[in-house]
Amino acid sequence: MDSQTEIELQAAAFRRLQKHLMEDRTDAQNIDMMNLAGFCRNCLSRWYQEAANERGIDMDKTQAREIFYGMTMDEWKTNFQTDASPQKQAEFDVAFKENVADKA
């Protein structure tokens, strides 16, 4: 497989993951994803932002999230986010420290 085809396949897989999370599984909460997998939608949008910035494209966290989510964070939270139990929040604190805090 040539490198351009590989890039195109990777991009297609990313777009499918994004669609899956944003349309098919809006019930999958970010906190649950972070607690189980060590990443969430916000991580994906941050990685998108970092890739843009590395290529000289000026993009901030808010812009990246709106691109990834297809709406503002406030809209997403209103439409899809549920309250997290204190236990989930404590687990999130650990997962965030292990997976994001030192890498952001």
PDB file of N, CA and C in Angstrom:
ATOM      1  N   MET A   1       0.857  -1.178   0.000  1.00  0.00           N
ATOM      2  CA  MET A   1       0.000   0.000   0.000  1.00  0.00           C
ATOM      3  C   MET A   1       0.900   1.238   0.000  1.00  0.00           C
ATOM      4  N   ASP A   2       0.566   2.197  -0.847  1.00  0.00           N
ATOM      5  CA  ASP A   2       1.360   3.422  -0.883  1.00  0.00           C
ATOM      6  C   ASP A   2       0.959   4.343   0.273  1.00  0.00           C
ATOM      7  N   SER A   3       1.831   5.290   0.600  1.00  0.00           N
ATOM      8  CA  SER A   3       1.611   6.143   1.780  1.00  0.00           C
ATOM      9  C   SER A   3       0.376   7.032   1.641  1.00  0.00           C
ATOM     10  N   GLN A   4       0.064   7.512   0.449  1.00  0.00           N
ATOM     11  CA  GLN A   4      -1.125   8.347   0.263  1.00  0.00           C
ATOM     12  C   GLN A   4      -2.401   7.554   0.535  1.00  0.00           C
ATOM     13  N   THR A   5      -2.452   6.318   0.059  1.00  0.00           N
ATOM     14  CA  THR A   5      -3.611   5.467   0.320  1.00  0.00           C
ATOM     15  C   THR A   5      -3.737   5.195   1.811  1.00  0.00           C
ATOM     16  N   GLU A   6      -2.617   4.942   2.471  1.00  0.00           N
ATOM     17  CA  GLU A   6      -2.648   4.711   3.915  1.00  0.00           C
ATOM     18  C   GLU A   6      -3.195   5.928   4.655  1.00  0.00           C
ATOM     19  N   ILE A   7      -2.757   7.120   4.266  1.00  0.00           N
ATOM     20  CA  ILE A   7      -3.257   8.355   4.881  1.00  0.00           C
ATOM     21  C   ILE A   7      -4.765   8.491   4.657  1.00  0.00           C
ATOM     22  N   GLU A   8      -5.209   8.198   3.447  1.00  0.00           N
ATOM     23  CA  GLU A   8      -6.634   8.300   3.132  1.00  0.00           C
ATOM     24  C   GLU A   8      -7.460   7.302   3.941  1.00  0.00           C
ATOM     25  N   LEU A   9      -6.956   6.099   4.120  1.00  0.00           N
ATOM     26  CA  LEU A   9      -7.661   5.099   4.918  1.00  0.00           C
ATOM     27  C   LEU A   9      -7.700   5.500   6.394  1.00  0.00           C
ATOM     28  N   GLN A  10      -6.594   6.024   6.889  1.00  0.00           N
ATOM     29  CA  GLN A  10      -6.569   6.494   8.274  1.00  0.00           C
ATOM     30  C   GLN A  10      -7.564   7.639   8.470  1.00  0.00           C
ATOM     31  N   ALA A  11      -7.612   8.565   7.532  1.00  0.00           N
ATOM     32  CA  ALA A  11      -8.555   9.681   7.616  1.00  0.00           C
ATOM     33  C   ALA A  11      -9.999   9.175   7.571  1.00  0.00           C
ATOM     34  N   ALA A  12     -10.260   8.184   6.724  1.00  0.00           N
ATOM     35  CA  ALA A  12     -11.617   7.623   6.637  1.00  0.00           C
ATOM     36  C   ALA A  12     -11.994   6.943   7.948  1.00  0.00           C
ATOM     37  N   ALA A  13     -11.057   6.234   8.557  1.00  0.00           N
ATOM     38  CA  ALA A  13     -11.332   5.581   9.836  1.00  0.00           C
ATOM     39  C   ALA A  13     -11.595   6.617  10.924  1.00  0.00           C
ATOM     40  N   PHE A  14     -10.838   7.704  10.919  1.00  0.00           N
ATOM     41  CA  PHE A  14     -11.062   8.773  11.889  1.00  0.00           C
ATOM     42  C   PHE A  14     -12.443   9.380  11.698  1.00  0.00           C
ATOM     43  N   ARG A  15     -12.813   9.656  10.463  1.00  0.00           N
ATOM     44  CA  ARG A  15     -14.139  10.239  10.204  1.00  0.00           C
ATOM     45  C   ARG A  15     -15.244   9.293  10.662  1.00  0.00           C
ATOM     46  N   ARG A  16     -15.045   8.002  10.480  1.00  0.00           N
ATOM     47  CA  ARG A  16     -16.057   7.033  10.919  1.00  0.00           C
ATOM     48  C   ARG A  16     -16.131   6.979  12.441  1.00  0.00           C
ATOM     49  N   LEU A  17     -14.989   7.046  13.113  1.00  0.00           N
ATOM     50  CA  LEU A  17     -14.977   7.101  14.574  1.00  0.00           C
ATOM     51  C   LEU A  17     -15.703   8.350  15.051  1.00  0.00           C
ATOM     52  N   GLN A  18     -15.417   9.473  14.431  1.00  0.00           N
ATOM     53  CA  GLN A  18     -16.077  10.724  14.802  1.00  0.00           C
ATOM     54  C   GLN A  18     -17.588  10.599  14.616  1.00  0.00           C
ATOM     55  N   LYS A  19     -18.033  10.089  13.486  1.00  0.00           N
ATOM     56  CA  LYS A  19     -19.466   9.920  13.241  1.00  0.00           C
ATOM     57  C   LYS A  19     -20.077   8.987  14.274  1.00  0.00           C
ATOM     58  N   HIS A  20     -19.397   7.908  14.566  1.00  0.00           N
ATOM     59  CA  HIS A  20     -19.895   6.939  15.538  1.00  0.00           C
ATOM     60  C   HIS A  20     -20.121   7.608  16.892  1.00  0.00           C
ATOM     61  N   LEU A  21     -19.154   8.400  17.328  1.00  0.00           N
ATOM     62  CA  LEU A  21     -19.260   9.052  18.635  1.00  0.00           C
ATOM     63  C   LEU A  21     -20.238  10.222  18.640  1.00  0.00           C
ATOM     64  N   MET A  22     -20.362  10.910  17.519  1.00  0.00           N
ATOM     65  CA  MET A  22     -21.165  12.127  17.490  1.00  0.00           C
ATOM     66  C   MET A  22     -22.611  11.884  17.052  1.00  0.00           C
ATOM     67  N   GLU A  23     -22.859  10.776  16.363  1.00  0.00           N
ATOM     68  CA  GLU A  23     -24.214  10.511  15.879  1.00  0.00           C
ATOM     69  C   GLU A  23     -24.778   9.192  16.396  1.00  0.00           C
ATOM     70  N   ASP A  24     -23.972   8.147  16.350  1.00  0.00           N
ATOM     71  CA  ASP A  24     -24.477   6.820  16.683  1.00  0.00           C
ATOM     72  C   ASP A  24     -24.468   6.530  18.182  1.00  0.00           C
ATOM     73  N   ARG A  25     -23.494   7.066  18.901  1.00  0.00           N
ATOM     74  CA  ARG A  25     -23.347   6.734  20.327  1.00  0.00           C
ATOM     75  C   ARG A  25     -23.208   7.990  21.187  1.00  0.00           C
ATOM     76  N   THR A  26     -24.159   8.882  21.040  1.00  0.00           N
ATOM     77  CA  THR A  26     -24.154  10.080  21.892  1.00  0.00           C
ATOM     78  C   THR A  26     -24.372   9.713  23.357  1.00  0.00           C
ATOM     79  N   ASP A  27     -24.856   8.495  23.599  1.00  0.00           N
ATOM     80  CA  ASP A  27     -25.059   8.030  24.969  1.00  0.00           C
ATOM     81  C   ASP A  27     -23.752   7.666  25.663  1.00  0.00           C
ATOM     82  N   ALA A  28     -22.701   7.427  24.902  1.00  0.00           N
ATOM     83  CA  ALA A  28     -21.397   7.117  25.499  1.00  0.00           C
ATOM     84  C   ALA A  28     -20.814   8.417  26.050  1.00  0.00           C
ATOM     85  N   GLN A  29     -20.785   8.521  27.349  1.00  0.00           N
ATOM     86  CA  GLN A  29     -20.345   9.747  28.009  1.00  0.00           C
ATOM     87  C   GLN A  29     -18.828   9.878  27.967  1.00  0.00           C
ATOM     88  N   ASN A  30     -18.348  11.112  27.819  1.00  0.00           N
ATOM     89  CA  ASN A  30     -16.905  11.363  27.817  1.00  0.00           C
ATOM     90  C   ASN A  30     -16.236  10.811  29.068  1.00  0.00           C
ATOM     91  N   ILE A  31     -16.872  10.988  30.219  1.00  0.00           N
ATOM     92  CA  ILE A  31     -16.269  10.540  31.466  1.00  0.00           C
ATOM     93  C   ILE A  31     -16.098   9.022  31.463  1.00  0.00           C
ATOM     94  N   ASP A  32     -17.065   8.295  30.900  1.00  0.00           N
ATOM     95  CA  ASP A  32     -16.960   6.842  30.816  1.00  0.00           C
ATOM     96  C   ASP A  32     -15.850   6.434  29.848  1.00  0.00           C
ATOM     97  N   MET A  33     -15.765   7.130  28.729  1.00  0.00           N
ATOM     98  CA  MET A  33     -14.703   6.840  27.766  1.00  0.00           C
ATOM     99  C   MET A  33     -13.332   7.064  28.396  1.00  0.00           C
ATOM    100  N   MET A  34     -13.174   8.178  29.104  1.00  0.00           N
ATOM    101  CA  MET A  34     -11.892   8.476  29.733  1.00  0.00           C
ATOM    102  C   MET A  34     -11.570   7.429  30.792  1.00  0.00           C
ATOM    103  N   ASN A  35     -12.554   7.075  31.586  1.00  0.00           N
ATOM    104  CA  ASN A  35     -12.323   6.109  32.655  1.00  0.00           C
ATOM    105  C   ASN A  35     -11.966   4.728  32.110  1.00  0.00           C
ATOM    106  N   LEU A  36     -12.565   4.344  30.987  1.00  0.00           N
ATOM    107  CA  LEU A  36     -12.322   3.015  30.426  1.00  0.00           C
ATOM    108  C   LEU A  36     -11.155   2.966  29.440  1.00  0.00           C
ATOM    109  N   ALA A  37     -11.039   3.988  28.612  1.00  0.00           N
ATOM    110  CA  ALA A  37     -10.075   3.927  27.507  1.00  0.00           C
ATOM    111  C   ALA A  37      -8.927   4.918  27.623  1.00  0.00           C
ATOM    112  N   GLY A  38      -9.042   5.882  28.523  1.00  0.00           N
ATOM    113  CA  GLY A  38      -7.973   6.859  28.669  1.00  0.00           C
ATOM    114  C   GLY A  38      -8.019   7.989  27.659  1.00  0.00           C
ATOM    115  N   PHE A  39      -9.122   8.102  26.921  1.00  0.00           N
ATOM    116  CA  PHE A  39      -9.331   9.234  26.019  1.00  0.00           C
ATOM    117  C   PHE A  39     -10.831   9.438  25.844  1.00  0.00           C
ATOM    118  N   CYS A  40     -11.191  10.627  25.344  1.00  0.00           N
ATOM    119  CA  CYS A  40     -12.599  10.939  25.112  1.00  0.00           C
ATOM    120  C   CYS A  40     -12.709  11.851  23.895  1.00  0.00           C
ATOM    121  N   ARG A  41     -13.883  12.343  23.647  1.00  0.00           N
ATOM    122  CA  ARG A  41     -14.092  13.246  22.514  1.00  0.00           C
ATOM    123  C   ARG A  41     -13.213  14.488  22.628  1.00  0.00           C
ATOM    124  N   ASN A  42     -13.053  14.988  23.840  1.00  0.00           N
ATOM    125  CA  ASN A  42     -12.216  16.176  24.017  1.00  0.00           C
ATOM    126  C   ASN A  42     -10.768  15.888  23.653  1.00  0.00           C
ATOM    127  N   CYS A  43     -10.298  14.693  23.969  1.00  0.00           N
ATOM    128  CA  CYS A  43      -8.941  14.307  23.579  1.00  0.00           C
ATOM    129  C   CYS A  43      -8.826  14.276  22.057  1.00  0.00           C
ATOM    130  N   LEU A  44      -9.808  13.682  21.395  1.00  0.00           N
ATOM    131  CA  LEU A  44      -9.788  13.623  19.940  1.00  0.00           C
ATOM    132  C   LEU A  44      -9.764  15.023  19.333  1.00  0.00           C
ATOM    133  N   SER A  45     -10.553  15.923  19.900  1.00  0.00           N
ATOM    134  CA  SER A  45     -10.551  17.297  19.369  1.00  0.00           C
ATOM    135  C   SER A  45      -9.216  17.980  19.662  1.00  0.00           C
ATOM    136  N   ARG A  46      -8.607  17.678  20.808  1.00  0.00           N
ATOM    137  CA  ARG A  46      -7.297  18.258  21.127  1.00  0.00           C
ATOM    138  C   ARG A  46      -6.226  17.733  20.168  1.00  0.00           C
ATOM    139  N   TRP A  47      -6.283  16.441  19.863  1.00  0.00           N
ATOM    140  CA  TRP A  47      -5.326  15.881  18.916  1.00  0.00           C
ATOM    141  C   TRP A  47      -5.496  16.509  17.537  1.00  0.00           C
ATOM    142  N   TYR A  48      -6.726  16.787  17.164  1.00  0.00           N
ATOM    143  CA  TYR A  48      -7.016  17.474  15.905  1.00  0.00           C
ATOM    144  C   TYR A  48      -6.391  18.873  15.929  1.00  0.00           C
ATOM    145  N   GLN A  49      -6.588  19.578  17.025  1.00  0.00           N
ATOM    146  CA  GLN A  49      -6.012  20.918  17.187  1.00  0.00           C
ATOM    147  C   GLN A  49      -4.495  20.862  17.114  1.00  0.00           C
ATOM    148  N   GLU A  50      -3.892  19.923  17.816  1.00  0.00           N
ATOM    149  CA  GLU A  50      -2.432  19.806  17.814  1.00  0.00           C
ATOM    150  C   GLU A  50      -1.906  19.544  16.407  1.00  0.00           C
ATOM    151  N   ALA A  51      -2.600  18.690  15.654  1.00  0.00           N
ATOM    152  CA  ALA A  51      -2.186  18.412  14.280  1.00  0.00           C
ATOM    153  C   ALA A  51      -2.278  19.672  13.420  1.00  0.00           C
ATOM    154  N   ALA A  52      -3.339  20.438  13.611  1.00  0.00           N
ATOM    155  CA  ALA A  52      -3.485  21.691  12.870  1.00  0.00           C
ATOM    156  C   ALA A  52      -2.363  22.661  13.245  1.00  0.00           C
ATOM    157  N   ASN A  53      -2.124  22.829  14.536  1.00  0.00           N
ATOM    158  CA  ASN A  53      -1.083  23.749  14.994  1.00  0.00           C
ATOM    159  C   ASN A  53       0.299  23.348  14.481  1.00  0.00           C
ATOM    160  N   GLU A  54       0.582  22.038  14.453  1.00  0.00           N
ATOM    161  CA  GLU A  54       1.869  21.553  13.940  1.00  0.00           C
ATOM    162  C   GLU A  54       2.064  21.898  12.472  1.00  0.00           C
ATOM    163  N   ARG A  55       0.958  22.089  11.766  1.00  0.00           N
ATOM    164  CA  ARG A  55       1.023  22.430  10.350  1.00  0.00           C
ATOM    165  C   ARG A  55       0.876  23.930  10.106  1.00  0.00           C
ATOM    166  N   GLY A  56       0.977  24.715  11.184  1.00  0.00           N
ATOM    167  CA  GLY A  56       0.918  26.162  11.060  1.00  0.00           C
ATOM    168  C   GLY A  56      -0.483  26.729  10.966  1.00  0.00           C
ATOM    169  N   ILE A  57      -1.493  25.923  11.246  1.00  0.00           N
ATOM    170  CA  ILE A  57      -2.884  26.383  11.219  1.00  0.00           C
ATOM    171  C   ILE A  57      -3.242  26.846  12.623  1.00  0.00           C
ATOM    172  N   ASP A  58      -3.636  28.098  12.741  1.00  0.00           N
ATOM    173  CA  ASP A  58      -3.994  28.669  14.039  1.00  0.00           C
ATOM    174  C   ASP A  58      -5.379  28.181  14.433  1.00  0.00           C
ATOM    175  N   MET A  59      -5.420  27.348  15.474  1.00  0.00           N
ATOM    176  CA  MET A  59      -6.688  26.804  15.949  1.00  0.00           C
ATOM    177  C   MET A  59      -6.597  26.660  17.458  1.00  0.00           C
ATOM    178  N   ASP A  60      -7.624  27.132  18.167  1.00  0.00           N
ATOM    179  CA  ASP A  60      -7.623  26.975  19.621  1.00  0.00           C
ATOM    180  C   ASP A  60      -8.547  25.833  20.022  1.00  0.00           C
ATOM    181  N   LYS A  61      -8.575  25.540  21.314  1.00  0.00           N
ATOM    182  CA  LYS A  61      -9.351  24.419  21.842  1.00  0.00           C
ATOM    183  C   LYS A  61     -10.833  24.554  21.504  1.00  0.00           C
ATOM    184  N   THR A  62     -11.371  25.754  21.645  1.00  0.00           N
ATOM    185  CA  THR A  62     -12.788  25.973  21.371  1.00  0.00           C
ATOM    186  C   THR A  62     -13.113  25.689  19.908  1.00  0.00           C
ATOM    187  N   GLN A  63     -12.286  26.182  19.015  1.00  0.00           N
ATOM    188  CA  GLN A  63     -12.509  25.945  17.587  1.00  0.00           C
ATOM    189  C   GLN A  63     -12.421  24.459  17.256  1.00  0.00           C
ATOM    190  N   ALA A  64     -11.421  23.785  17.804  1.00  0.00           N
ATOM    191  CA  ALA A  64     -11.252  22.352  17.533  1.00  0.00           C
ATOM    192  C   ALA A  64     -12.447  21.558  18.039  1.00  0.00           C
ATOM    193  N   ARG A  65     -12.928  21.899  19.215  1.00  0.00           N
ATOM    194  CA  ARG A  65     -14.085  21.182  19.756  1.00  0.00           C
ATOM    195  C   ARG A  65     -15.320  21.410  18.902  1.00  0.00           C
ATOM    196  N   GLU A  66     -15.526  22.626  18.440  1.00  0.00           N
ATOM    197  CA  GLU A  66     -16.690  22.892  17.598  1.00  0.00           C
ATOM    198  C   GLU A  66     -16.597  22.130  16.287  1.00  0.00           C
ATOM    199  N   ILE A  67     -15.389  22.015  15.730  1.00  0.00           N
ATOM    200  CA  ILE A  67     -15.207  21.245  14.501  1.00  0.00           C
ATOM    201  C   ILE A  67     -15.500  19.777  14.770  1.00  0.00           C
ATOM    202  N   PHE A  68     -14.928  19.245  15.845  1.00  0.00           N
ATOM    203  CA  PHE A  68     -15.107  17.819  16.128  1.00  0.00           C
ATOM    204  C   PHE A  68     -16.542  17.496  16.531  1.00  0.00           C
ATOM    205  N   TYR A  69     -17.110  18.292  17.442  1.00  0.00           N
ATOM    206  CA  TYR A  69     -18.457  18.031  17.943  1.00  0.00           C
ATOM    207  C   TYR A  69     -19.543  18.431  16.950  1.00  0.00           C
ATOM    208  N   GLY A  70     -19.233  19.348  16.054  1.00  0.00           N
ATOM    209  CA  GLY A  70     -20.256  19.851  15.146  1.00  0.00           C
ATOM    210  C   GLY A  70     -21.198  20.827  15.815  1.00  0.00           C
ATOM    211  N   MET A  71     -20.820  21.286  16.995  1.00  0.00           N
ATOM    212  CA  MET A  71     -21.614  22.238  17.780  1.00  0.00           C
ATOM    213  C   MET A  71     -20.722  22.742  18.910  1.00  0.00           C
ATOM    214  N   THR A  72     -21.210  23.712  19.648  1.00  0.00           N
ATOM    215  CA  THR A  72     -20.435  24.201  20.788  1.00  0.00           C
ATOM    216  C   THR A  72     -20.479  23.172  21.920  1.00  0.00           C
ATOM    217  N   MET A  73     -19.537  23.272  22.820  1.00  0.00           N
ATOM    218  CA  MET A  73     -19.526  22.386  23.985  1.00  0.00           C
ATOM    219  C   MET A  73     -20.783  22.581  24.816  1.00  0.00           C
ATOM    220  N   ASP A  74     -21.229  23.820  24.963  1.00  0.00           N
ATOM    221  CA  ASP A  74     -22.459  24.075  25.722  1.00  0.00           C
ATOM    222  C   ASP A  74     -23.648  23.353  25.094  1.00  0.00           C
ATOM    223  N   GLU A  75     -23.732  23.392  23.758  1.00  0.00           N
ATOM    224  CA  GLU A  75     -24.817  22.682  23.078  1.00  0.00           C
ATOM    225  C   GLU A  75     -24.707  21.175  23.307  1.00  0.00           C
ATOM    226  N   TRP A  76     -23.489  20.636  23.201  1.00  0.00           N
ATOM    227  CA  TRP A  76     -23.297  19.199  23.413  1.00  0.00           C
ATOM    228  C   TRP A  76     -23.720  18.814  24.827  1.00  0.00           C
ATOM    229  N   LYS A  77     -23.253  19.581  25.808  1.00  0.00           N
ATOM    230  CA  LYS A  77     -23.580  19.269  27.197  1.00  0.00           C
ATOM    231  C   LYS A  77     -25.087  19.309  27.433  1.00  0.00           C
ATOM    232  N   THR A  78     -25.745  20.314  26.882  1.00  0.00           N
ATOM    233  CA  THR A  78     -27.189  20.440  27.044  1.00  0.00           C
ATOM    234  C   THR A  78     -27.926  19.266  26.413  1.00  0.00           C
ATOM    235  N   ASN A  79     -27.482  18.857  25.238  1.00  0.00           N
ATOM    236  CA  ASN A  79     -28.175  17.814  24.493  1.00  0.00           C
ATOM    237  C   ASN A  79     -27.842  16.388  24.933  1.00  0.00           C
ATOM    238  N   PHE A  80     -26.601  16.150  25.392  1.00  0.00           N
ATOM    239  CA  PHE A  80     -26.170  14.765  25.557  1.00  0.00           C
ATOM    240  C   PHE A  80     -25.488  14.412  26.877  1.00  0.00           C
ATOM    241  N   GLN A  81     -24.932  15.375  27.574  1.00  0.00           N
ATOM    242  CA  GLN A  81     -24.175  15.041  28.776  1.00  0.00           C
ATOM    243  C   GLN A  81     -25.093  14.784  29.956  1.00  0.00           C
ATOM    244  N   THR A  82     -24.783  13.752  30.711  1.00  0.00           N
ATOM    245  CA  THR A  82     -25.546  13.415  31.910  1.00  0.00           C
ATOM    246  C   THR A  82     -24.668  13.666  33.133  1.00  0.00           C
ATOM    247  N   ASP A  83     -25.289  13.705  34.295  1.00  0.00           N
ATOM    248  CA  ASP A  83     -24.537  13.893  35.535  1.00  0.00           C
ATOM    249  C   ASP A  83     -23.713  12.644  35.837  1.00  0.00           C
ATOM    250  N   ALA A  84     -22.531  12.871  36.376  1.00  0.00           N
ATOM    251  CA  ALA A  84     -21.644  11.772  36.748  1.00  0.00           C
ATOM    252  C   ALA A  84     -21.650  11.598  38.256  1.00  0.00           C
ATOM    253  N   SER A  85     -21.633  10.364  38.679  1.00  0.00           N
ATOM    254  CA  SER A  85     -21.604  10.065  40.113  1.00  0.00           C
ATOM    255  C   SER A  85     -20.260  10.495  40.709  1.00  0.00           C
ATOM    256  N   PRO A  86     -20.212  10.699  42.013  1.00  0.00           N
ATOM    257  CA  PRO A  86     -18.932  11.021  42.653  1.00  0.00           C
ATOM    258  C   PRO A  86     -17.862   9.956  42.381  1.00  0.00           C
ATOM    259  N   GLN A  87     -18.263   8.690  42.304  1.00  0.00           N
ATOM    260  CA  GLN A  87     -17.304   7.622  42.013  1.00  0.00           C
ATOM    261  C   GLN A  87     -16.718   7.786  40.614  1.00  0.00           C
ATOM    262  N   LYS A  88     -17.570   8.068  39.622  1.00  0.00           N
ATOM    263  CA  LYS A  88     -17.081   8.274  38.262  1.00  0.00           C
ATOM    264  C   LYS A  88     -16.165   9.491  38.196  1.00  0.00           C
ATOM    265  N   GLN A  89     -16.512  10.544  38.934  1.00  0.00           N
ATOM    266  CA  GLN A  89     -15.675  11.740  38.938  1.00  0.00           C
ATOM    267  C   GLN A  89     -14.305  11.445  39.547  1.00  0.00           C
ATOM    268  N   ALA A  90     -14.273  10.640  40.607  1.00  0.00           N
ATOM    269  CA  ALA A  90     -12.995  10.265  41.230  1.00  0.00           C
ATOM    270  C   ALA A  90     -12.166   9.409  40.275  1.00  0.00           C
ATOM    271  N   GLU A  91     -12.806   8.476  39.582  1.00  0.00           N
ATOM    272  CA  GLU A  91     -12.119   7.660  38.593  1.00  0.00           C
ATOM    273  C   GLU A  91     -11.582   8.519  37.456  1.00  0.00           C
ATOM    274  N   PHE A  92     -12.367   9.521  37.065  1.00  0.00           N
ATOM    275  CA  PHE A  92     -11.941  10.430  36.013  1.00  0.00           C
ATOM    276  C   PHE A  92     -10.690  11.189  36.427  1.00  0.00           C
ATOM    277  N   ASP A  93     -10.638  11.662  37.649  1.00  0.00           N
ATOM    278  CA  ASP A  93      -9.459  12.396  38.122  1.00  0.00           C
ATOM    279  C   ASP A  93      -8.195  11.553  37.949  1.00  0.00           C
ATOM    280  N   VAL A  94      -8.294  10.281  38.284  1.00  0.00           N
ATOM    281  CA  VAL A  94      -7.152   9.377  38.133  1.00  0.00           C
ATOM    282  C   VAL A  94      -6.830   9.176  36.655  1.00  0.00           C
ATOM    283  N   ALA A  95      -7.839   8.869  35.854  1.00  0.00           N
ATOM    284  CA  ALA A  95      -7.634   8.618  34.412  1.00  0.00           C
ATOM    285  C   ALA A  95      -7.062   9.851  33.728  1.00  0.00           C
ATOM    286  N   PHE A  96      -7.550  11.029  34.091  1.00  0.00           N
ATOM    287  CA  PHE A  96      -7.066  12.266  33.482  1.00  0.00           C
ATOM    288  C   PHE A  96      -5.595  12.461  33.814  1.00  0.00           C
ATOM    289  N   LYS A  97      -5.221  12.264  35.068  1.00  0.00           N
ATOM    290  CA  LYS A  97      -3.810  12.415  35.466  1.00  0.00           C
ATOM    291  C   LYS A  97      -2.929  11.427  34.736  1.00  0.00           C
ATOM    292  N   GLU A  98      -3.402  10.197  34.573  1.00  0.00           N
ATOM    293  CA  GLU A  98      -2.607   9.158  33.919  1.00  0.00           C
ATOM    294  C   GLU A  98      -2.497   9.345  32.410  1.00  0.00           C
ATOM    295  N   ASN A  99      -3.518   9.908  31.793  1.00  0.00           N
ATOM    296  CA  ASN A  99      -3.573   9.918  30.339  1.00  0.00           C
ATOM    297  C   ASN A  99      -3.485  11.280  29.671  1.00  0.00           C
ATOM    298  N   VAL A 100      -3.771  12.331  30.418  1.00  0.00           N
ATOM    299  CA  VAL A 100      -3.866  13.639  29.768  1.00  0.00           C
ATOM    300  C   VAL A 100      -2.965  14.683  30.411  1.00  0.00           C
ATOM    301  N   ALA A 101      -2.999  14.810  31.702  1.00  0.00           N
ATOM    302  CA  ALA A 101      -2.362  15.937  32.398  1.00  0.00           C
ATOM    303  C   ALA A 101      -0.915  16.158  31.992  1.00  0.00           C
ATOM    304  N   ASP A 102      -0.134  15.115  31.905  1.00  0.00           N
ATOM    305  CA  ASP A 102       1.278  15.278  31.554  1.00  0.00           C
ATOM    306  C   ASP A 102       1.513  15.383  30.058  1.00  0.00           C
ATOM    307  N   LYS A 103       0.491  15.071  29.277  1.00  0.00           N
ATOM    308  CA  LYS A 103       0.638  15.028  27.832  1.00  0.00           C
ATOM    309  C   LYS A 103       0.044  16.245  27.128  1.00  0.00           C
ATOM    310  N   ALA A 104      -0.772  17.001  27.857  1.00  0.00           N
ATOM    311  CA  ALA A 104      -1.461  18.146  27.235  1.00  0.00           C
ATOM    312  C   ALA A 104      -0.540  19.329  27.080  1.00  0.00           C
TER     313      ALA A 104
END
